[in-house]
C-alpha atoms as a PDB file:
ATOM      1  CA  UNK A   1      17.452-249.108 113.929  1.00  0.00           C
ATOM      2  CA  UNK A   2      19.602-247.020 111.476  1.00  0.00           C
ATOM      3  CA  UNK A   3      19.979-250.095 109.248  1.00  0.00           C
ATOM      4  CA  UNK A   4      16.277-250.752 109.390  1.00  0.00           C
ATOM      5  CA  UNK A   5      15.534-247.174 108.348  1.00  0.00           C
ATOM      6  CA  UNK A   6      18.070-247.373 105.609  1.00  0.00           C
ATOM      7  CA  UNK A   7      16.534-250.600 104.272  1.00  0.00           C
ATOM      8  CA  UNK A   8      13.029-249.077 104.570  1.00  0.00           C
ATOM      9  CA  UNK A   9      14.170-246.105 102.432  1.00  0.00           C
ATOM     10  CA  UNK A  10      15.732-248.387  99.809  1.00  0.00           C
ATOM     11  CA  UNK A  11      12.424-250.304  99.543  1.00  0.00           C
ATOM     12  CA  UNK A  12      10.491-247.043  99.193  1.00  0.00           C
ATOM     13  CA  UNK A  13      12.900-245.818  96.489  1.00  0.00           C
ATOM     14  CA  UNK A  14      12.635-249.181  94.664  1.00  0.00           C
ATOM     15  CA  UNK A  15       8.886-249.071  94.898  1.00  0.00           C
ATOM     16  CA  UNK A  16       8.579-245.641  93.412  1.00  0.00           C
ATOM     17  CA  UNK A  17      10.917-246.641  90.503  1.00  0.00           C
ATOM     18  CA  UNK A  18       8.892-249.819  89.957  1.00  0.00           C
ATOM     19  CA  UNK A  19       5.543-247.958  90.035  1.00  0.00           C
ATOM     20  CA  UNK A  20       6.500-245.854  87.067  1.00  0.00           C
ATOM     21  CA  UNK A  21       7.538-248.898  85.157  1.00  0.00           C
ATOM     22  CA  UNK A  22       4.403-250.730  86.184  1.00  0.00           C
ATOM     23  CA  UNK A  23       2.251-247.941  84.963  1.00  0.00           C
ATOM     24  CA  UNK A  24       3.710-248.201  81.469  1.00  0.00           C
ATOM     25  CA  UNK A  25       3.703-251.960  81.604  1.00  0.00           C
ATOM     26  CA  UNK A  26       0.054-252.026  82.585  1.00  0.00           C
ATOM     27  CA  UNK A  27      -1.200-250.031  79.621  1.00  0.00           C
ATOM     28  CA  UNK A  28      -3.535-252.395  77.924  1.00  0.00           C
ATOM     29  CA  UNK A  29      -5.660-250.322  75.618  1.00  0.00           C
ATOM     30  CA  UNK A  30      -5.153-247.794  72.840  1.00  0.00           C
ATOM     31  CA  UNK A  31      -7.060-245.213  74.845  1.00  0.00           C
ATOM     32  CA  UNK A  32      -4.646-245.563  77.776  1.00  0.00           C
ATOM     33  CA  UNK A  33      -1.682-245.346  75.357  1.00  0.00           C
ATOM     34  CA  UNK A  34      -3.203-242.166  73.807  1.00  0.00           C
ATOM     35  CA  UNK A  35      -3.716-240.645  77.196  1.00  0.00           C
ATOM     36  CA  UNK A  36      -0.111-241.548  78.198  1.00  0.00           C
ATOM     37  CA  UNK A  37       1.255-239.999  74.931  1.00  0.00           C
ATOM     38  CA  UNK A  38      -0.933-236.915  75.284  1.00  0.00           C
ATOM     39  CA  UNK A  39       0.509-236.408  78.826  1.00  0.00           C
ATOM     40  CA  UNK A  40       4.109-237.010  77.606  1.00  0.00           C
ATOM     41  CA  UNK A  41       3.718-234.646  74.716  1.00  0.00           C
ATOM     42  CA  UNK A  42       2.246-232.019  77.009  1.00  0.00           C
ATOM     43  CA  UNK A  43       5.243-232.384  79.293  1.00  0.00           C
ATOM     44  CA  UNK A  44       7.577-232.196  76.400  1.00  0.00           C
ATOM     45  CA  UNK A  45       6.004-228.937  75.167  1.00  0.00           C
ATOM     46  CA  UNK A  46       6.066-227.397  78.614  1.00  0.00           C
ATOM     47  CA  UNK A  47       9.705-228.421  79.145  1.00  0.00           C
ATOM     48  CA  UNK A  48      10.670-226.902  75.794  1.00  0.00           C
ATOM     49  CA  UNK A  49       8.831-223.705  76.599  1.00  0.00           C
ATOM     50  CA  UNK A  50      10.608-223.533  79.947  1.00  0.00           C
ATOM     51  CA  UNK A  51      13.941-224.219  78.202  1.00  0.00           C
ATOM     52  CA  UNK A  52      13.355-221.394  75.784  1.00  0.00           C
ATOM     53  CA  UNK A  53      12.473-219.014  78.684  1.00  0.00           C
ATOM     54  CA  UNK A  54      15.553-220.068  80.542  1.00  0.00           C
ATOM     55  CA  UNK A  55      17.799-219.642  77.495  1.00  0.00           C
ATOM     56  CA  UNK A  56      16.336-216.171  76.831  1.00  0.00           C
ATOM     57  CA  UNK A  57      16.933-215.210  80.454  1.00  0.00           C
ATOM     58  CA  UNK A  58      20.462-216.426  80.278  1.00  0.00           C
ATOM     59  CA  UNK A  59      21.098-214.395  77.071  1.00  0.00           C
ATOM     60  CA  UNK A  60      19.625-211.364  78.809  1.00  0.00           C
ATOM     61  CA  UNK A  61      21.762-211.889  81.849  1.00  0.00           C
ATOM     62  CA  UNK A  62      24.858-212.243  79.748  1.00  0.00           C
ATOM     63  CA  UNK A  63      24.099-209.026  77.929  1.00  0.00           C
ATOM     64  CA  UNK A  64      23.467-207.280  81.170  1.00  0.00           C
ATOM     65  CA  UNK A  65      26.752-208.661  82.600  1.00  0.00           C
ATOM     66  CA  UNK A  66      28.611-207.355  79.465  1.00  0.00           C
ATOM     67  CA  UNK A  67      27.014-203.968  79.988  1.00  0.00           C
ATOM     68  CA  UNK A  68      28.083-203.884  83.608  1.00  0.00           C
ATOM     69  CA  UNK A  69      31.625-204.933  82.789  1.00  0.00           C
ATOM     70  CA  UNK A  70      31.840-202.083  80.148  1.00  0.00           C
ATOM     71  CA  UNK A  71      30.496-199.542  82.713  1.00  0.00           C
ATOM     72  CA  UNK A  72      33.025-200.918  85.279  1.00  0.00           C
ATOM     73  CA  UNK A  73      35.906-200.475  82.817  1.00  0.00           C
ATOM     74  CA  UNK A  74      34.763-196.953  81.886  1.00  0.00           C
ATOM     75  CA  UNK A  75      34.514-196.087  85.607  1.00  0.00           C
ATOM     76  CA  UNK A  76      37.904-197.439  86.325  1.00  0.00           C
ATOM     77  CA  UNK A  77      39.365-195.410  83.457  1.00  0.00           C
ATOM     78  CA  UNK A  78      37.538-192.305  84.680  1.00  0.00           C
ATOM     79  CA  UNK A  79      38.894-192.834  88.211  1.00  0.00           C
ATOM     80  CA  UNK A  80      42.409-193.328  86.868  1.00  0.00           C
ATOM     81  CA  UNK A  81      42.165-190.086  84.920  1.00  0.00           C
ATOM     82  CA  UNK A  82      40.842-188.245  88.027  1.00  0.00           C
ATOM     83  CA  UNK A  83      43.683-189.639  90.113  1.00  0.00           C
ATOM     84  CA  UNK A  84      46.243-188.435  87.469  1.00  0.00           C
ATOM     85  CA  UNK A  85      44.731-185.054  87.406  1.00  0.00           C
ATOM     86  CA  UNK A  86      44.638-184.893  91.211  1.00  0.00           C
ATOM     87  CA  UNK A  87      48.448-185.806  91.207  1.00  0.00           C
ATOM     88  CA  UNK A  88      49.222-183.172  88.654  1.00  0.00           C
ATOM     89  CA  UNK A  89      47.301-180.470  90.750  1.00  0.00           C
ATOM     90  CA  UNK A  90      49.090-181.653  93.854  1.00  0.00           C
ATOM     91  CA  UNK A  91      52.496-181.363  92.160  1.00  0.00           C
ATOM     92  CA  UNK A  92      51.672-177.966  90.870  1.00  0.00           C
ATOM     93  CA  UNK A  93      50.577-176.776  94.342  1.00  0.00           C
ATOM     94  CA  UNK A  94      53.725-178.251  95.854  1.00  0.00           C
ATOM     95  CA  UNK A  95      55.879-176.383  93.293  1.00  0.00           C
ATOM     96  CA  UNK A  96      54.006-173.212  93.909  1.00  0.00           C
ATOM     97  CA  UNK A  97      54.464-173.615  97.597  1.00  0.00           C
ATOM     98  CA  UNK A  98      58.153-174.351  97.167  1.00  0.00           C
ATOM     99  CA  UNK A  99      58.509-171.153  95.004  1.00  0.00           C
ATOM    100  CA  UNK A 100      56.726-169.142  97.663  1.00  0.00           C
ATOM    101  CA  UNK A 101      59.001-170.514 100.383  1.00  0.00           C
END
């Protein structure tokens, strides 16, 4: 039954591929050809528009990523500076404590 199901799926896949070819092969008039070309050109235009939108979105995302990376670097530097200041204050307090003792 698994083999039958697999063969049925292969037949369906082959039919769907053949149908598209048959549609183009069955074009007999100039009107049908014009309609087909009009449809294809419409698909081409919509695909190009979608591509442009995706490229724009990608560029915006890359710019956002770059900004976030810069902020992250700045925050890391700030944290390191704060840690250094904290260590200095701790050392000074330890020295003052030792002097008092």
